[in-house]
Amino acid sequence: MGRRAGWLDAREHALGMPNSPTSEWILGLDIGGTTTSAVAGNASGQIFDLRTCPSRAEQGFTAMWEMMTAAADELVREHGRPSAVGVSIGGPVSTEQGIVHSPPNLPGWDDVPLKERLREHFGVPVYVEHDARAGAVAEWLFGAARGCRNVVFLTFGTGLGAGLILDGRLYRGASGLAGEVGHWRMSRRGPSAYGKPGSWEAFCSGSGLPRLARHLYPGTSWPADMSAATLVSLARSGDTQARHVIRTSATWLGRGIAHLVDLLSPDIVVLGGLAVYAGDLFLPTARKVLARECAGHNGDCPIEAAQLGVDIGNVAALCAALYQEESVSR
């Protein structure tokens, strides 16, 4: 069948399922500030169809809504009605009500009743989850954290958020906003995110890396459209300043992880995003800092890139439904 213009058939990058679903399938929406995907998958975390496209988040909610529902409608036409819809999206988000509260990477998503709108559109149960928590569940069930009871997952993508599995259960906190670690002020000086100079997200995220570069080297003529990918490419080519920017980011990454590890003493820390694409540039430094700054054996806690790799956001969207439906026993 035809594809909506701009959408890519990424089936070859999926997890190896055939192009036909089982009797029941789950529609997943992985909504990010950089890319958005609609996926068809099952309760084993396997994906058999996918549409993905640049989010163009600057266009606001309405444009993104039309784009992602058009893609999801294609999947429904091809595979029939799903049993449920799972959504992985950056916070703040009220999980139970499914309301999205102005994520910094999604301008115009101000108190959007996403769960209600999707339920009206598709006519099936809808489950909305913070992307860090959904990512934590995905790696816990199907990735690097399988068999663990205490897991810290960091998105380390466009933004920085933490998903926590504590004593074998997903932890949301009293207000449902546990894990908003990007807000942490790590230093009185530094680039700014959330209106806070020196916030952890400004040091350690895809959106923060260009700010960090300009903070460290204000006189350098960095490209106007510089991105984290640009800096990674420059660092790989041997650019001294880019390598220092990434080393600085990795140092702050290790310091923040040390706080989490000393507080929670997890079995493992798993990182998505930049760790998947450029773990060789970030993880060695972060591990050294963790070993140096943690108390006792906490410094031995492994830090690993997400085993699900580039598919983690798509599997996380499925897991938003899987975990909340309690269709997985652990």
C-alpha atoms as a PDB file:
ATOM      1  CA  MET A   1       0.000   0.000   0.000  1.00  0.00           C
ATOM      2  CA  GLY A   2       1.055   3.625  -0.342  1.00  0.00           C
ATOM      3  CA  ARG A   3       2.928   5.540   2.329  1.00  0.00           C
ATOM      4  CA  ARG A   4       2.114   9.003   3.609  1.00  0.00           C
ATOM      5  CA  ALA A   5       4.675  11.441   2.153  1.00  0.00           C
ATOM      6  CA  GLY A   6       7.678  11.854   4.425  1.00  0.00           C
ATOM      7  CA  TRP A   7       7.140   8.604   6.286  1.00  0.00           C
ATOM      8  CA  LEU A   8       9.722   5.854   5.962  1.00  0.00           C
ATOM      9  CA  ASP A   9       9.053   2.148   5.840  1.00  0.00           C
ATOM     10  CA  ALA A  10      11.566   1.051   8.489  1.00  0.00           C
ATOM     11  CA  ARG A  11      10.450  -2.539   8.654  1.00  0.00           C
ATOM     12  CA  GLU A  12      13.981  -3.686   7.905  1.00  0.00           C
ATOM     13  CA  HIS A  13      15.095  -2.076  11.177  1.00  0.00           C
ATOM     14  CA  ALA A  14      12.426  -3.804  13.269  1.00  0.00           C
ATOM     15  CA  LEU A  15      12.964  -6.710  15.631  1.00  0.00           C
ATOM     16  CA  GLY A  16      12.602  -9.534  13.170  1.00  0.00           C
ATOM     17  CA  MET A  17       8.864 -10.231  13.196  1.00  0.00           C
ATOM     18  CA  PRO A  18       7.116 -11.272   9.957  1.00  0.00           C
ATOM     19  CA  ASN A  19       4.873  -8.745   8.247  1.00  0.00           C
ATOM     20  CA  SER A  20       1.656 -10.171   9.714  1.00  0.00           C
ATOM     21  CA  PRO A  21       0.412  -9.787  13.279  1.00  0.00           C
ATOM     22  CA  THR A  22      -0.848 -12.336  15.733  1.00  0.00           C
ATOM     23  CA  SER A  23      -4.588 -12.287  16.518  1.00  0.00           C
ATOM     24  CA  GLU A  24      -4.035  -9.347  18.872  1.00  0.00           C
ATOM     25  CA  TRP A  25      -1.614  -6.501  18.397  1.00  0.00           C
ATOM     26  CA  ILE A  26      -0.708  -3.271  20.157  1.00  0.00           C
ATOM     27  CA  LEU A  27      -0.383   0.137  18.542  1.00  0.00           C
ATOM     28  CA  GLY A  28       2.563   2.045  19.997  1.00  0.00           C
ATOM     29  CA  LEU A  29       3.274   5.766  19.632  1.00  0.00           C
ATOM     30  CA  ASP A  30       6.790   6.920  20.487  1.00  0.00           C
ATOM     31  CA  ILE A  31       6.468  10.712  20.560  1.00  0.00           C
ATOM     32  CA  GLY A  32       9.705  12.648  20.766  1.00  0.00           C
ATOM     33  CA  GLY A  33      11.016  16.111  20.124  1.00  0.00           C
ATOM     34  CA  THR A  34      13.175  14.883  17.242  1.00  0.00           C
ATOM     35  CA  THR A  35      11.314  11.917  15.734  1.00  0.00           C
ATOM     36  CA  THR A  36       7.915  10.319  16.216  1.00  0.00           C
ATOM     37  CA  SER A  37       7.011   6.710  15.382  1.00  0.00           C
ATOM     38  CA  ALA A  38       3.858   4.649  15.114  1.00  0.00           C
ATOM     39  CA  VAL A  39       4.505   0.935  15.578  1.00  0.00           C
ATOM     40  CA  ALA A  40       2.582  -2.319  15.432  1.00  0.00           C
ATOM     41  CA  GLY A  41       3.812  -4.952  17.873  1.00  0.00           C
ATOM     42  CA  ASN A  42       2.851  -7.672  20.314  1.00  0.00           C
ATOM     43  CA  ALA A  43       3.098  -8.651  23.974  1.00  0.00           C
ATOM     44  CA  SER A  44       6.562 -10.147  23.427  1.00  0.00           C
ATOM     45  CA  GLY A  45       7.925  -6.726  22.585  1.00  0.00           C
ATOM     46  CA  GLN A  46       8.291  -7.662  18.925  1.00  0.00           C
ATOM     47  CA  ILE A  47       7.573  -5.118  16.190  1.00  0.00           C
ATOM     48  CA  PHE A  48       6.181  -6.155  12.824  1.00  0.00           C
ATOM     49  CA  ASP A  49       5.445  -2.783  11.239  1.00  0.00           C
ATOM     50  CA  LEU A  50       6.582   0.791  11.774  1.00  0.00           C
ATOM     51  CA  ARG A  51       6.245   4.341  10.429  1.00  0.00           C
ATOM     52  CA  THR A  52       8.661   7.035  11.573  1.00  0.00           C
ATOM     53  CA  CYS A  53       9.209  10.670  10.663  1.00  0.00           C
ATOM     54  CA  PRO A  54      10.802  13.890  11.933  1.00  0.00           C
ATOM     55  CA  SER A  55       8.536  15.362  14.616  1.00  0.00           C
ATOM     56  CA  ARG A  56       8.819  18.988  13.512  1.00  0.00           C
ATOM     57  CA  ALA A  57       7.855  19.814  17.083  1.00  0.00           C
ATOM     58  CA  GLU A  58       8.178  23.550  16.449  1.00  0.00           C
ATOM     59  CA  GLN A  59       4.929  23.339  14.450  1.00  0.00           C
ATOM     60  CA  GLY A  60       3.025  22.604  17.651  1.00  0.00           C
ATOM     61  CA  PHE A  61       0.492  20.041  18.842  1.00  0.00           C
ATOM     62  CA  THR A  62      -2.082  20.162  16.049  1.00  0.00           C
ATOM     63  CA  ALA A  63       0.422  19.463  13.276  1.00  0.00           C
ATOM     64  CA  MET A  64       2.006  16.620  15.243  1.00  0.00           C
ATOM     65  CA  TRP A  65      -1.394  15.150  16.091  1.00  0.00           C
ATOM     66  CA  GLU A  66      -2.407  15.044  12.435  1.00  0.00           C
ATOM     67  CA  MET A  67       0.926  13.522  11.431  1.00  0.00           C
ATOM     68  CA  MET A  68       1.006  10.738  14.026  1.00  0.00           C
ATOM     69  CA  THR A  69      -2.668   9.774  13.748  1.00  0.00           C
ATOM     70  CA  ALA A  70      -2.353   9.583   9.956  1.00  0.00           C
ATOM     71  CA  ALA A  71       0.561   7.181  10.375  1.00  0.00           C
ATOM     72  CA  ALA A  72      -1.255   5.156  13.022  1.00  0.00           C
ATOM     73  CA  ASP A  73      -4.369   5.001  10.846  1.00  0.00           C
ATOM     74  CA  GLU A  74      -2.245   3.432   8.094  1.00  0.00           C
ATOM     75  CA  LEU A  75      -1.263   0.640  10.489  1.00  0.00           C
ATOM     76  CA  VAL A  76      -4.883   0.108  11.523  1.00  0.00           C
ATOM     77  CA  ARG A  77      -6.019  -0.103   7.884  1.00  0.00           C
ATOM     78  CA  GLU A  78      -3.305  -2.663   7.175  1.00  0.00           C
ATOM     79  CA  HIS A  79      -3.540  -4.823  10.309  1.00  0.00           C
ATOM     80  CA  GLY A  80      -7.020  -4.275  11.734  1.00  0.00           C
ATOM     81  CA  ARG A  81      -8.076  -2.850  15.052  1.00  0.00           C
ATOM     82  CA  PRO A  82      -5.439  -3.005  17.837  1.00  0.00           C
ATOM     83  CA  SER A  83      -6.193  -4.331  21.291  1.00  0.00           C
ATOM     84  CA  ALA A  84      -4.716  -1.223  22.934  1.00  0.00           C
ATOM     85  CA  VAL A  85      -2.642   1.894  22.329  1.00  0.00           C
ATOM     86  CA  GLY A  86       0.556   2.555  24.267  1.00  0.00           C
ATOM     87  CA  VAL A  87       2.244   5.965  24.271  1.00  0.00           C
ATOM     88  CA  SER A  88       5.784   6.847  25.305  1.00  0.00           C
ATOM     89  CA  ILE A  89       6.287  10.620  25.608  1.00  0.00           C
ATOM     90  CA  GLY A  90       8.529  13.060  27.449  1.00  0.00           C
ATOM     91  CA  GLY A  91       7.300  14.515  30.728  1.00  0.00           C
ATOM     92  CA  PRO A  92       5.859  16.037  32.697  1.00  0.00           C
ATOM     93  CA  VAL A  93       2.914  13.710  32.137  1.00  0.00           C
ATOM     94  CA  SER A  94       0.081  12.564  34.421  1.00  0.00           C
ATOM     95  CA  THR A  95       0.082   8.846  33.731  1.00  0.00           C
ATOM     96  CA  GLU A  96      -3.328   7.875  35.081  1.00  0.00           C
ATOM     97  CA  GLN A  97      -5.184  10.751  33.419  1.00  0.00           C
ATOM     98  CA  GLY A  98      -2.951  10.659  30.358  1.00  0.00           C
ATOM     99  CA  ILE A  99      -2.473  14.435  30.336  1.00  0.00           C
ATOM    100  CA  VAL A 100       0.730  15.907  28.897  1.00  0.00           C
ATOM    101  CA  HIS A 101       1.906  19.034  30.727  1.00  0.00           C
ATOM    102  CA  SER A 102       4.108  21.209  28.504  1.00  0.00           C
ATOM    103  CA  PRO A 103       7.240  19.087  27.913  1.00  0.00           C
ATOM    104  CA  PRO A 104      10.153  21.401  27.080  1.00  0.00           C
ATOM    105  CA  ASN A 105      10.849  19.530  23.828  1.00  0.00           C
ATOM    106  CA  LEU A 106       7.205  19.675  22.651  1.00  0.00           C
ATOM    107  CA  PRO A 107       6.087  23.320  22.402  1.00  0.00           C
ATOM    108  CA  GLY A 108       2.330  23.764  22.388  1.00  0.00           C
ATOM    109  CA  TRP A 109       1.599  20.506  24.222  1.00  0.00           C
ATOM    110  CA  ASP A 110       0.047  22.387  27.125  1.00  0.00           C
ATOM    111  CA  ASP A 111      -2.166  20.199  29.329  1.00  0.00           C
ATOM    112  CA  VAL A 112      -3.121  18.044  26.355  1.00  0.00           C
ATOM    113  CA  PRO A 113      -5.617  15.266  27.289  1.00  0.00           C
ATOM    114  CA  LEU A 114      -3.797  12.810  25.054  1.00  0.00           C
ATOM    115  CA  LYS A 115      -5.308   9.648  26.511  1.00  0.00           C
ATOM    116  CA  GLU A 116      -8.850  10.908  26.008  1.00  0.00           C
ATOM    117  CA  ARG A 117      -8.205  12.117  22.462  1.00  0.00           C
ATOM    118  CA  LEU A 118      -6.555   8.862  21.392  1.00  0.00           C
ATOM    119  CA  ARG A 119      -9.321   6.776  22.993  1.00  0.00           C
ATOM    120  CA  GLU A 120     -11.925   8.760  21.061  1.00  0.00           C
ATOM    121  CA  HIS A 121      -9.952   8.355  17.845  1.00  0.00           C
ATOM    122  CA  PHE A 122      -9.213   4.617  18.042  1.00  0.00           C
ATOM    123  CA  GLY A 123     -11.962   3.301  20.341  1.00  0.00           C
ATOM    124  CA  VAL A 124      -9.639   1.047  22.388  1.00  0.00           C
ATOM    125  CA  PRO A 125      -7.910   1.363  25.794  1.00  0.00           C
ATOM    126  CA  VAL A 126      -5.053   3.883  25.801  1.00  0.00           C
ATOM    127  CA  TYR A 127      -2.067   3.982  28.164  1.00  0.00           C
ATOM    128  CA  VAL A 128       0.233   7.000  28.345  1.00  0.00           C
ATOM    129  CA  GLU A 129       3.623   6.788  30.056  1.00  0.00           C
ATOM    130  CA  HIS A 130       6.649   9.026  30.584  1.00  0.00           C
ATOM    131  CA  ASP A 131       9.292   7.985  28.053  1.00  0.00           C
ATOM    132  CA  ALA A 132      11.927   7.341  30.733  1.00  0.00           C
ATOM    133  CA  ARG A 133       9.615   5.022  32.672  1.00  0.00           C
ATOM    134  CA  ALA A 134       8.495   3.249  29.503  1.00  0.00           C
ATOM    135  CA  GLY A 135      12.148   2.867  28.507  1.00  0.00           C
ATOM    136  CA  ALA A 136      12.977   1.426  31.921  1.00  0.00           C
ATOM    137  CA  VAL A 137      10.240  -1.188  31.549  1.00  0.00           C
ATOM    138  CA  ALA A 138      11.384  -2.036  28.010  1.00  0.00           C
ATOM    139  CA  GLU A 139      14.992  -2.672  29.076  1.00  0.00           C
ATOM    140  CA  TRP A 140      13.798  -4.508  32.210  1.00  0.00           C
ATOM    141  CA  LEU A 141      11.536  -6.864  30.289  1.00  0.00           C
ATOM    142  CA  PHE A 142      13.434  -7.278  27.030  1.00  0.00           C
ATOM    143  CA  GLY A 143      16.875  -5.658  27.259  1.00  0.00           C
ATOM    144  CA  ALA A 144      20.001  -5.116  29.345  1.00  0.00           C
ATOM    145  CA  ALA A 145      18.183  -5.157  32.703  1.00  0.00           C
ATOM    146  CA  ARG A 146      16.439  -8.530  32.349  1.00  0.00           C
ATOM    147  CA  GLY A 147      16.621 -10.442  35.636  1.00  0.00           C
ATOM    148  CA  CYS A 148      17.284  -7.286  37.690  1.00  0.00           C
ATOM    149  CA  ARG A 149      15.026  -5.992  40.465  1.00  0.00           C
ATOM    150  CA  ASN A 150      16.489  -2.494  40.795  1.00  0.00           C
ATOM    151  CA  VAL A 151      17.106  -0.523  37.608  1.00  0.00           C
ATOM    152  CA  VAL A 152      17.862   3.083  36.702  1.00  0.00           C
ATOM    153  CA  PHE A 153      17.180   4.022  33.094  1.00  0.00           C
ATOM    154  CA  LEU A 154      18.212   7.407  31.676  1.00  0.00           C
ATOM    155  CA  THR A 155      16.745   8.614  28.374  1.00  0.00           C
ATOM    156  CA  PHE A 156      19.915  10.592  27.507  1.00  0.00           C
ATOM    157  CA  GLY A 157      18.276  11.720  24.274  1.00  0.00           C
ATOM    158  CA  THR A 158      16.812  15.091  23.312  1.00  0.00           C
ATOM    159  CA  GLY A 159      16.180  15.511  27.046  1.00  0.00           C
ATOM    160  CA  LEU A 160      17.259  13.737  30.218  1.00  0.00           C
ATOM    161  CA  GLY A 161      14.834  11.829  32.429  1.00  0.00           C
ATOM    162  CA  ALA A 162      15.064   8.785  34.679  1.00  0.00           C
ATOM    163  CA  GLY A 163      12.867   5.712  34.836  1.00  0.00           C
ATOM    164  CA  LEU A 164      13.137   3.659  38.022  1.00  0.00           C
ATOM    165  CA  ILE A 165      12.382  -0.006  38.672  1.00  0.00           C
ATOM    166  CA  LEU A 166      12.610  -0.461  42.448  1.00  0.00           C
ATOM    167  CA  ASP A 167      12.237  -3.868  44.078  1.00  0.00           C
ATOM    168  CA  GLY A 168      10.700  -5.235  40.892  1.00  0.00           C
ATOM    169  CA  ARG A 169       8.103  -2.510  40.326  1.00  0.00           C
ATOM    170  CA  LEU A 170       7.956   0.667  38.275  1.00  0.00           C
ATOM    171  CA  TYR A 171       8.243   3.675  40.591  1.00  0.00           C
ATOM    172  CA  ARG A 172       6.294   6.864  39.830  1.00  0.00           C
ATOM    173  CA  GLY A 173       6.272   8.629  43.222  1.00  0.00           C
ATOM    174  CA  ALA A 174       3.468  10.319  45.131  1.00  0.00           C
ATOM    175  CA  SER A 175       2.844  12.970  42.460  1.00  0.00           C
ATOM    176  CA  GLY A 176       3.630  10.692  39.520  1.00  0.00           C
ATOM    177  CA  LEU A 177       6.611  12.875  38.608  1.00  0.00           C
ATOM    178  CA  ALA A 178       9.473  10.782  39.987  1.00  0.00           C
ATOM    179  CA  GLY A 179      12.534  10.748  37.767  1.00  0.00           C
ATOM    180  CA  GLU A 180      12.592  14.354  36.528  1.00  0.00           C
ATOM    181  CA  VAL A 181      16.351  14.450  37.071  1.00  0.00           C
ATOM    182  CA  GLY A 182      16.976  16.812  34.157  1.00  0.00           C
ATOM    183  CA  HIS A 183      15.884  19.578  36.542  1.00  0.00           C
ATOM    184  CA  TRP A 184      18.733  18.879  38.960  1.00  0.00           C
ATOM    185  CA  ARG A 185      21.054  21.846  39.320  1.00  0.00           C
ATOM    186  CA  MET A 186      24.477  20.238  39.163  1.00  0.00           C
ATOM    187  CA  SER A 187      26.495  23.462  39.271  1.00  0.00           C
ATOM    188  CA  ARG A 188      26.014  27.163  39.859  1.00  0.00           C
ATOM    189  CA  ARG A 189      27.597  27.718  36.466  1.00  0.00           C
ATOM    190  CA  GLY A 190      27.014  26.147  33.110  1.00  0.00           C
ATOM    191  CA  PRO A 191      24.550  26.076  30.239  1.00  0.00           C
ATOM    192  CA  SER A 192      20.886  26.473  31.048  1.00  0.00           C
ATOM    193  CA  ALA A 193      17.839  24.203  30.773  1.00  0.00           C
ATOM    194  CA  TYR A 194      14.507  24.581  32.569  1.00  0.00           C
ATOM    195  CA  GLY A 195      15.643  28.149  33.309  1.00  0.00           C
ATOM    196  CA  LYS A 196      18.390  26.789  35.548  1.00  0.00           C
ATOM    197  CA  PRO A 197      22.048  27.409  34.713  1.00  0.00           C
ATOM    198  CA  GLY A 198      23.981  24.239  35.436  1.00  0.00           C
ATOM    199  CA  SER A 199      21.016  21.859  35.221  1.00  0.00           C
ATOM    200  CA  TRP A 200      21.854  18.229  34.498  1.00  0.00           C
ATOM    201  CA  GLU A 201      19.922  18.174  31.229  1.00  0.00           C
ATOM    202  CA  ALA A 202      21.902  21.173  29.966  1.00  0.00           C
ATOM    203  CA  PHE A 203      25.121  19.234  30.536  1.00  0.00           C
ATOM    204  CA  CYS A 204      23.922  15.801  29.455  1.00  0.00           C
ATOM    205  CA  SER A 205      21.395  15.620  26.625  1.00  0.00           C
ATOM    206  CA  GLY A 206      21.074  16.031  22.898  1.00  0.00           C
ATOM    207  CA  SER A 207      19.579  19.487  23.311  1.00  0.00           C
ATOM    208  CA  GLY A 208      22.124  20.415  25.977  1.00  0.00           C
ATOM    209  CA  LEU A 209      25.322  19.489  24.120  1.00  0.00           C
ATOM    210  CA  PRO A 210      25.224  22.460  21.715  1.00  0.00           C
ATOM    211  CA  ARG A 211      24.569  24.775  24.683  1.00  0.00           C
ATOM    212  CA  LEU A 212      27.486  23.250  26.528  1.00  0.00           C
ATOM    213  CA  ALA A 213      29.730  23.755  23.481  1.00  0.00           C
ATOM    214  CA  ARG A 214      28.834  27.428  23.255  1.00  0.00           C
ATOM    215  CA  HIS A 215      29.271  27.828  27.015  1.00  0.00           C
ATOM    216  CA  LEU A 216      32.747  26.288  26.968  1.00  0.00           C
ATOM    217  CA  TYR A 217      33.870  27.979  23.743  1.00  0.00           C
ATOM    218  CA  PRO A 218      31.842  31.181  23.324  1.00  0.00           C
ATOM    219  CA  GLY A 219      34.221  32.590  20.716  1.00  0.00           C
ATOM    220  CA  THR A 220      34.087  29.590  18.405  1.00  0.00           C
ATOM    221  CA  SER A 221      32.092  29.893  15.188  1.00  0.00           C
ATOM    222  CA  TRP A 222      30.030  26.755  15.767  1.00  0.00           C
ATOM    223  CA  PRO A 223      27.482  25.990  13.009  1.00  0.00           C
ATOM    224  CA  ALA A 224      24.215  27.880  13.518  1.00  0.00           C
ATOM    225  CA  ASP A 225      22.229  24.625  13.313  1.00  0.00           C
ATOM    226  CA  MET A 226      24.692  22.653  15.443  1.00  0.00           C
ATOM    227  CA  SER A 227      23.276  19.483  16.985  1.00  0.00           C
ATOM    228  CA  ALA A 228      24.536  16.710  19.219  1.00  0.00           C
ATOM    229  CA  ALA A 229      25.092  14.650  16.074  1.00  0.00           C
ATOM    230  CA  THR A 230      27.298  17.435  14.699  1.00  0.00           C
ATOM    231  CA  LEU A 231      29.427  17.428  17.849  1.00  0.00           C
ATOM    232  CA  VAL A 232      29.729  13.646  17.839  1.00  0.00           C
ATOM    233  CA  SER A 233      30.820  13.738  14.200  1.00  0.00           C
ATOM    234  CA  LEU A 234      33.385  16.470  14.913  1.00  0.00           C
ATOM    235  CA  ALA A 235      34.700  14.545  17.915  1.00  0.00           C
ATOM    236  CA  ARG A 236      35.085  11.380  15.851  1.00  0.00           C
ATOM    237  CA  SER A 237      37.026  13.349  13.258  1.00  0.00           C
ATOM    238  CA  GLY A 238      39.475  14.482  15.956  1.00  0.00           C
ATOM    239  CA  ASP A 239      38.234  18.030  16.622  1.00  0.00           C
ATOM    240  CA  THR A 240      39.849  18.998  19.949  1.00  0.00           C
ATOM    241  CA  GLN A 241      37.095  21.317  21.136  1.00  0.00           C
ATOM    242  CA  ALA A 242      34.292  18.874  20.282  1.00  0.00           C
ATOM    243  CA  ARG A 243      36.106  16.083  22.101  1.00  0.00           C
ATOM    244  CA  HIS A 244      36.469  18.309  25.173  1.00  0.00           C
ATOM    245  CA  VAL A 245      32.738  19.166  25.063  1.00  0.00           C
ATOM    246  CA  ILE A 246      31.804  15.486  25.019  1.00  0.00           C
ATOM    247  CA  ARG A 247      34.341  14.602  27.713  1.00  0.00           C
ATOM    248  CA  THR A 248      32.905  17.374  29.906  1.00  0.00           C
ATOM    249  CA  SER A 249      29.373  16.120  29.308  1.00  0.00           C
ATOM    250  CA  ALA A 250      30.441  12.557  30.123  1.00  0.00           C
ATOM    251  CA  THR A 251      32.040  13.750  33.361  1.00  0.00           C
ATOM    252  CA  TRP A 252      28.830  15.433  34.483  1.00  0.00           C
ATOM    253  CA  LEU A 253      26.917  12.352  33.379  1.00  0.00           C
ATOM    254  CA  GLY A 254      29.035  10.218  35.705  1.00  0.00           C
ATOM    255  CA  ARG A 255      28.584  12.655  38.588  1.00  0.00           C
ATOM    256  CA  GLY A 256      24.814  12.607  38.273  1.00  0.00           C
ATOM    257  CA  ILE A 257      24.722   8.833  37.974  1.00  0.00           C
ATOM    258  CA  ALA A 258      26.859   8.618  41.120  1.00  0.00           C
ATOM    259  CA  HIS A 259      24.142  10.501  43.024  1.00  0.00           C
ATOM    260  CA  LEU A 260      21.502   8.083  41.774  1.00  0.00           C
ATOM    261  CA  VAL A 261      23.621   5.022  42.503  1.00  0.00           C
ATOM    262  CA  ASP A 262      24.519   6.119  46.040  1.00  0.00           C
ATOM    263  CA  LEU A 263      20.841   6.833  46.734  1.00  0.00           C
ATOM    264  CA  LEU A 264      19.276   3.734  45.161  1.00  0.00           C
ATOM    265  CA  SER A 265      22.085   1.150  44.842  1.00  0.00           C
ATOM    266  CA  PRO A 266      20.635  -0.340  41.639  1.00  0.00           C
ATOM    267  CA  ASP A 267      21.713  -3.535  39.919  1.00  0.00           C
ATOM    268  CA  ILE A 268      22.378  -1.625  36.698  1.00  0.00           C
ATOM    269  CA  VAL A 269      22.140   1.800  35.071  1.00  0.00           C
ATOM    270  CA  VAL A 270      20.973   1.695  31.448  1.00  0.00           C
ATOM    271  CA  LEU A 271      21.235   4.651  29.052  1.00  0.00           C
ATOM    272  CA  GLY A 272      19.360   5.246  25.832  1.00  0.00           C
ATOM    273  CA  GLY A 273      19.796   7.939  23.206  1.00  0.00           C
ATOM    274  CA  LEU A 274      23.361   9.189  22.922  1.00  0.00           C
ATOM    275  CA  ALA A 275      24.715   6.081  24.657  1.00  0.00           C
ATOM    276  CA  VAL A 276      23.323   3.938  21.840  1.00  0.00           C
ATOM    277  CA  TYR A 277      24.794   6.105  19.080  1.00  0.00           C
ATOM    278  CA  ALA A 278      28.023   7.245  20.752  1.00  0.00           C
ATOM    279  CA  GLY A 279      28.536   5.135  23.864  1.00  0.00           C
ATOM    280  CA  ASP A 280      32.230   4.766  23.090  1.00  0.00           C
ATOM    281  CA  LEU A 281      32.622   8.530  23.547  1.00  0.00           C
ATOM    282  CA  PHE A 282      30.575   8.882  26.747  1.00  0.00           C
ATOM    283  CA  LEU A 283      30.546   5.661  28.765  1.00  0.00           C
ATOM    284  CA  PRO A 284      34.263   5.115  29.556  1.00  0.00           C
ATOM    285  CA  THR A 285      34.498   8.545  31.217  1.00  0.00           C
ATOM    286  CA  ALA A 286      31.147   8.157  32.997  1.00  0.00           C
ATOM    287  CA  ARG A 287      32.225   4.772  34.394  1.00  0.00           C
ATOM    288  CA  LYS A 288      35.517   6.175  35.697  1.00  0.00           C
ATOM    289  CA  VAL A 289      33.724   9.062  37.406  1.00  0.00           C
ATOM    290  CA  LEU A 290      31.177   6.688  38.950  1.00  0.00           C
ATOM    291  CA  ALA A 291      33.912   4.442  40.351  1.00  0.00           C
ATOM    292  CA  ARG A 292      35.724   7.464  41.786  1.00  0.00           C
ATOM    293  CA  GLU A 293      32.747   9.244  43.344  1.00  0.00           C
ATOM    294  CA  CYS A 294      30.544   6.470  44.715  1.00  0.00           C
ATOM    295  CA  ALA A 295      30.654   5.007  48.205  1.00  0.00           C
ATOM    296  CA  GLY A 296      32.027   1.494  48.634  1.00  0.00           C
ATOM    297  CA  HIS A 297      30.848  -1.138  46.193  1.00  0.00           C
ATOM    298  CA  ASN A 298      28.281   1.211  44.677  1.00  0.00           C
ATOM    299  CA  GLY A 299      31.043   2.266  42.300  1.00  0.00           C
ATOM    300  CA  ASP A 300      30.954  -1.223  40.792  1.00  0.00           C
ATOM    301  CA  CYS A 301      27.426  -0.676  39.424  1.00  0.00           C
ATOM    302  CA  PRO A 302      27.502  -1.337  35.656  1.00  0.00           C
ATOM    303  CA  ILE A 303      26.556   1.434  33.235  1.00  0.00           C
ATOM    304  CA  GLU A 304      25.374   0.038  29.912  1.00  0.00           C
ATOM    305  CA  ALA A 305      23.873   1.320  26.685  1.00  0.00           C
ATOM    306  CA  ALA A 306      20.311   0.169  26.012  1.00  0.00           C
ATOM    307  CA  GLN A 307      20.419  -3.354  24.599  1.00  0.00           C
ATOM    308  CA  LEU A 308      17.337  -2.647  22.509  1.00  0.00           C
ATOM    309  CA  GLY A 309      19.410  -0.046  20.695  1.00  0.00           C
ATOM    310  CA  VAL A 310      17.652   2.187  18.205  1.00  0.00           C
ATOM    311  CA  ASP A 311      14.417   0.226  18.730  1.00  0.00           C
ATOM    312  CA  ILE A 312      14.084   1.122  22.406  1.00  0.00           C
ATOM    313  CA  GLY A 313      11.617   3.977  21.909  1.00  0.00           C
ATOM    314  CA  ASN A 314       9.374   1.779  19.785  1.00  0.00           C
ATOM    315  CA  VAL A 315       9.434  -1.115  22.266  1.00  0.00           C
ATOM    316  CA  ALA A 316       8.931   1.375  25.102  1.00  0.00           C
ATOM    317  CA  ALA A 317       5.700   2.544  23.469  1.00  0.00           C
ATOM    318  CA  LEU A 318       4.427  -1.044  23.497  1.00  0.00           C
ATOM    319  CA  CYS A 319       5.539  -1.403  27.123  1.00  0.00           C
ATOM    320  CA  ALA A 320       3.485   1.627  28.143  1.00  0.00           C
ATOM    321  CA  ALA A 321       0.450  -0.531  27.407  1.00  0.00           C
ATOM    322  CA  LEU A 322       1.929  -3.858  28.503  1.00  0.00           C
ATOM    323  CA  TYR A 323       2.892  -2.738  31.991  1.00  0.00           C
ATOM    324  CA  GLN A 324      -0.211  -0.696  32.743  1.00  0.00           C
ATOM    325  CA  GLU A 325      -2.496  -3.469  31.526  1.00  0.00           C
ATOM    326  CA  GLU A 326      -0.632  -5.810  33.914  1.00  0.00           C
ATOM    327  CA  SER A 327      -0.489  -8.313  31.084  1.00  0.00           C
ATOM    328  CA  VAL A 328       3.099  -9.101  32.038  1.00  0.00           C
ATOM    329  CA  SER A 329       3.835 -11.008  35.236  1.00  0.00           C
ATOM    330  CA  ARG A 330       7.149 -10.360  36.908  1.00  0.00           C
END
